[in-house]
Amino acid sequence: MDINQKLLKYVSIICGTLITIGSLLFIYGYFVSGLPAVTAIGIGLVMGATFIFIMGIFLVATEESFVSKKEQRTNLY
């Protein structure tokens, strides 16, 4: 359980940082400079961070599922 909390903490810190940087790049590229390359990089960073966060939650959820099933099996015997 301790590993799951650490994983969620690190994933949320990394993804929060990437989403912030991506949002700033998107705003800068779209509103300030008008450069489509900077806008695309910002959108890519935000989407990548979201994907990483979803995968991190999925890994924690599947591990919890396997651990709880294993505990249920050991309690039966």
N, C-alpha and C. Protein backbone atom coordinates (compact mmCIF):
# COMPACT_ATOMS: atom_id res chain seq x y z
N MET A 1 0.82 -1.20 0.00
CA MET A 1 0.00 0.00 0.00
C MET A 1 0.86 1.26 0.00
N ASP A 2 1.99 1.17 0.67
CA ASP A 2 2.89 2.32 0.75
C ASP A 2 3.47 2.65 -0.63
N ILE A 3 3.74 1.61 -1.41
CA ILE A 3 4.28 1.84 -2.76
C ILE A 3 3.23 2.52 -3.63
N ASN A 4 1.98 2.15 -3.46
CA ASN A 4 0.91 2.77 -4.25
C ASN A 4 0.77 4.25 -3.94
N GLN A 5 0.89 4.62 -2.68
CA GLN A 5 0.78 6.02 -2.32
C GLN A 5 1.96 6.82 -2.88
N LYS A 6 3.15 6.23 -2.86
CA LYS A 6 4.31 6.91 -3.43
C LYS A 6 4.15 7.08 -4.94
N LEU A 7 3.67 6.02 -5.59
CA LEU A 7 3.49 6.09 -7.04
C LEU A 7 2.48 7.17 -7.41
N LEU A 8 1.35 7.22 -6.71
CA LEU A 8 0.35 8.24 -6.99
C LEU A 8 0.89 9.64 -6.72
N LYS A 9 1.69 9.78 -5.67
CA LYS A 9 2.26 11.08 -5.34
C LYS A 9 3.20 11.55 -6.45
N TYR A 10 4.10 10.67 -6.87
CA TYR A 10 5.06 11.04 -7.92
C TYR A 10 4.37 11.29 -9.26
N VAL A 11 3.40 10.46 -9.59
CA VAL A 11 2.68 10.65 -10.86
C VAL A 11 1.93 11.97 -10.84
N SER A 12 1.30 12.31 -9.73
CA SER A 12 0.55 13.56 -9.68
C SER A 12 1.48 14.77 -9.74
N ILE A 13 2.65 14.69 -9.12
CA ILE A 13 3.60 15.81 -9.18
C ILE A 13 4.12 15.98 -10.60
N ILE A 14 4.52 14.88 -11.23
CA ILE A 14 5.05 14.96 -12.60
C ILE A 14 3.99 15.45 -13.57
N CYS A 15 2.80 14.89 -13.47
CA CYS A 15 1.74 15.27 -14.41
C CYS A 15 1.25 16.70 -14.16
N GLY A 16 1.22 17.11 -12.92
CA GLY A 16 0.84 18.50 -12.64
C GLY A 16 1.83 19.48 -13.22
N THR A 17 3.11 19.14 -13.12
CA THR A 17 4.15 20.00 -13.71
C THR A 17 4.03 20.04 -15.22
N LEU A 18 3.84 18.87 -15.83
CA LEU A 18 3.73 18.83 -17.30
C LEU A 18 2.48 19.56 -17.79
N ILE A 19 1.38 19.43 -17.09
CA ILE A 19 0.16 20.12 -17.50
C ILE A 19 0.33 21.63 -17.37
N THR A 20 1.01 22.07 -16.32
CA THR A 20 1.25 23.51 -16.16
C THR A 20 2.13 24.04 -17.28
N ILE A 21 3.22 23.35 -17.56
CA ILE A 21 4.12 23.78 -18.64
C ILE A 21 3.40 23.75 -19.98
N GLY A 22 2.64 22.67 -20.22
CA GLY A 22 1.91 22.56 -21.48
C GLY A 22 0.86 23.65 -21.65
N SER A 23 0.18 23.98 -20.56
CA SER A 23 -0.83 25.04 -20.63
C SER A 23 -0.19 26.39 -20.92
N LEU A 24 0.93 26.65 -20.25
CA LEU A 24 1.63 27.92 -20.50
C LEU A 24 2.14 28.00 -21.94
N LEU A 25 2.68 26.90 -22.45
CA LEU A 25 3.13 26.90 -23.85
C LEU A 25 1.97 27.09 -24.81
N PHE A 26 0.85 26.44 -24.53
CA PHE A 26 -0.32 26.60 -25.39
C PHE A 26 -0.80 28.05 -25.40
N ILE A 27 -0.92 28.64 -24.22
CA ILE A 27 -1.37 30.04 -24.13
C ILE A 27 -0.40 30.96 -24.84
N TYR A 28 0.90 30.74 -24.63
CA TYR A 28 1.91 31.57 -25.29
C TYR A 28 1.85 31.40 -26.80
N GLY A 29 1.76 30.17 -27.26
CA GLY A 29 1.75 29.93 -28.70
C GLY A 29 0.48 30.39 -29.38
N TYR A 30 -0.64 30.27 -28.72
CA TYR A 30 -1.91 30.59 -29.35
C TYR A 30 -2.25 32.08 -29.26
N PHE A 31 -2.05 32.67 -28.11
CA PHE A 31 -2.47 34.05 -27.91
C PHE A 31 -1.36 35.07 -28.10
N VAL A 32 -0.14 34.75 -27.69
CA VAL A 32 0.92 35.75 -27.67
C VAL A 32 1.69 35.77 -28.99
N SER A 33 2.29 34.63 -29.36
CA SER A 33 3.18 34.66 -30.51
C SER A 33 2.52 34.22 -31.81
N GLY A 34 1.50 33.40 -31.73
CA GLY A 34 0.85 32.93 -32.94
C GLY A 34 1.63 31.84 -33.66
N LEU A 35 2.56 31.21 -32.99
CA LEU A 35 3.33 30.13 -33.59
C LEU A 35 2.60 28.80 -33.42
N PRO A 36 2.25 28.16 -34.53
CA PRO A 36 1.50 26.90 -34.41
C PRO A 36 2.36 25.76 -33.83
N ALA A 37 3.68 25.81 -34.00
CA ALA A 37 4.53 24.76 -33.44
C ALA A 37 4.51 24.78 -31.92
N VAL A 38 4.56 25.96 -31.32
CA VAL A 38 4.53 26.08 -29.86
C VAL A 38 3.17 25.65 -29.33
N THR A 39 2.13 26.00 -30.05
CA THR A 39 0.77 25.60 -29.66
C THR A 39 0.65 24.08 -29.69
N ALA A 40 1.17 23.45 -30.72
CA ALA A 40 1.10 22.00 -30.84
C ALA A 40 1.90 21.31 -29.74
N ILE A 41 3.05 21.84 -29.39
CA ILE A 41 3.85 21.27 -28.31
C ILE A 41 3.09 21.37 -26.99
N GLY A 42 2.44 22.50 -26.75
CA GLY A 42 1.65 22.67 -25.53
C GLY A 42 0.51 21.68 -25.44
N ILE A 43 -0.20 21.50 -26.55
CA ILE A 43 -1.30 20.52 -26.57
C ILE A 43 -0.75 19.12 -26.36
N GLY A 44 0.37 18.80 -26.98
CA GLY A 44 0.98 17.48 -26.81
C GLY A 44 1.41 17.21 -25.38
N LEU A 45 1.97 18.22 -24.72
CA LEU A 45 2.37 18.04 -23.33
C LEU A 45 1.17 17.80 -22.42
N VAL A 46 0.11 18.54 -22.63
CA VAL A 46 -1.08 18.36 -21.80
C VAL A 46 -1.69 16.98 -22.03
N MET A 47 -1.79 16.56 -23.27
CA MET A 47 -2.36 15.25 -23.56
C MET A 47 -1.46 14.13 -23.04
N GLY A 48 -0.15 14.29 -23.17
CA GLY A 48 0.78 13.29 -22.66
C GLY A 48 0.72 13.16 -21.15
N ALA A 49 0.64 14.29 -20.47
CA ALA A 49 0.54 14.26 -19.00
C ALA A 49 -0.76 13.60 -18.55
N THR A 50 -1.83 13.87 -19.26
CA THR A 50 -3.10 13.24 -18.92
C THR A 50 -3.02 11.74 -19.12
N PHE A 51 -2.40 11.31 -20.20
CA PHE A 51 -2.24 9.88 -20.47
C PHE A 51 -1.39 9.21 -19.40
N ILE A 52 -0.30 9.84 -19.01
CA ILE A 52 0.57 9.30 -17.97
C ILE A 52 -0.19 9.18 -16.65
N PHE A 53 -0.98 10.18 -16.32
CA PHE A 53 -1.76 10.16 -15.07
C PHE A 53 -2.78 9.02 -15.08
N ILE A 54 -3.48 8.85 -16.20
CA ILE A 54 -4.47 7.78 -16.30
C ILE A 54 -3.80 6.42 -16.19
N MET A 55 -2.64 6.26 -16.83
CA MET A 55 -1.92 4.98 -16.74
C MET A 55 -1.44 4.73 -15.32
N GLY A 56 -0.99 5.75 -14.62
CA GLY A 56 -0.56 5.58 -13.23
C GLY A 56 -1.70 5.13 -12.34
N ILE A 57 -2.87 5.74 -12.51
CA ILE A 57 -4.04 5.34 -11.73
C ILE A 57 -4.44 3.91 -12.08
N PHE A 58 -4.36 3.56 -13.36
CA PHE A 58 -4.69 2.20 -13.78
C PHE A 58 -3.75 1.18 -13.14
N LEU A 59 -2.45 1.49 -13.10
CA LEU A 59 -1.50 0.56 -12.48
C LEU A 59 -1.78 0.38 -11.00
N VAL A 60 -2.08 1.44 -10.30
CA VAL A 60 -2.38 1.34 -8.87
C VAL A 60 -3.67 0.56 -8.66
N ALA A 61 -4.67 0.81 -9.48
CA ALA A 61 -5.96 0.12 -9.32
C ALA A 61 -5.82 -1.38 -9.58
N THR A 62 -5.08 -1.76 -10.61
CA THR A 62 -4.91 -3.19 -10.90
C THR A 62 -4.09 -3.87 -9.81
N GLU A 63 -3.08 -3.19 -9.29
CA GLU A 63 -2.30 -3.79 -8.21
C GLU A 63 -3.16 -3.98 -6.96
N GLU A 64 -3.99 -3.01 -6.65
CA GLU A 64 -4.88 -3.15 -5.50
C GLU A 64 -5.85 -4.30 -5.72
N SER A 65 -6.32 -4.46 -6.94
CA SER A 65 -7.24 -5.54 -7.25
C SER A 65 -6.57 -6.90 -7.04
N PHE A 66 -5.34 -7.05 -7.52
CA PHE A 66 -4.63 -8.32 -7.35
C PHE A 66 -4.31 -8.59 -5.90
N VAL A 67 -3.93 -7.57 -5.15
CA VAL A 67 -3.60 -7.76 -3.74
C VAL A 67 -4.85 -8.15 -2.95
N SER A 68 -5.98 -7.51 -3.24
CA SER A 68 -7.20 -7.83 -2.50
C SER A 68 -7.68 -9.24 -2.84
N LYS A 69 -7.55 -9.68 -4.10
CA LYS A 69 -7.93 -11.05 -4.46
C LYS A 69 -7.03 -12.06 -3.78
N LYS A 70 -5.74 -11.74 -3.70
CA LYS A 70 -4.80 -12.64 -3.05
C LYS A 70 -5.11 -12.76 -1.56
N GLU A 71 -5.47 -11.64 -0.92
CA GLU A 71 -5.83 -11.67 0.50
C GLU A 71 -7.11 -12.46 0.72
N GLN A 72 -8.07 -12.36 -0.20
CA GLN A 72 -9.31 -13.10 -0.06
C GLN A 72 -9.06 -14.60 -0.18
N ARG A 73 -8.14 -14.98 -1.08
CA ARG A 73 -7.83 -16.40 -1.24
C ARG A 73 -7.13 -16.97 -0.01
N THR A 74 -6.22 -16.18 0.58
CA THR A 74 -5.53 -16.68 1.75
C THR A 74 -6.43 -16.74 2.97
N ASN A 75 -7.45 -15.91 3.02
CA ASN A 75 -8.38 -15.94 4.15
C ASN A 75 -9.33 -17.12 4.07
N LEU A 76 -9.53 -17.69 2.88
CA LEU A 76 -10.42 -18.83 2.72
C LEU A 76 -9.80 -20.11 3.28
N TYR A 77 -8.49 -20.21 3.24
CA TYR A 77 -7.84 -21.46 3.64
C TYR A 77 -7.41 -21.42 5.04
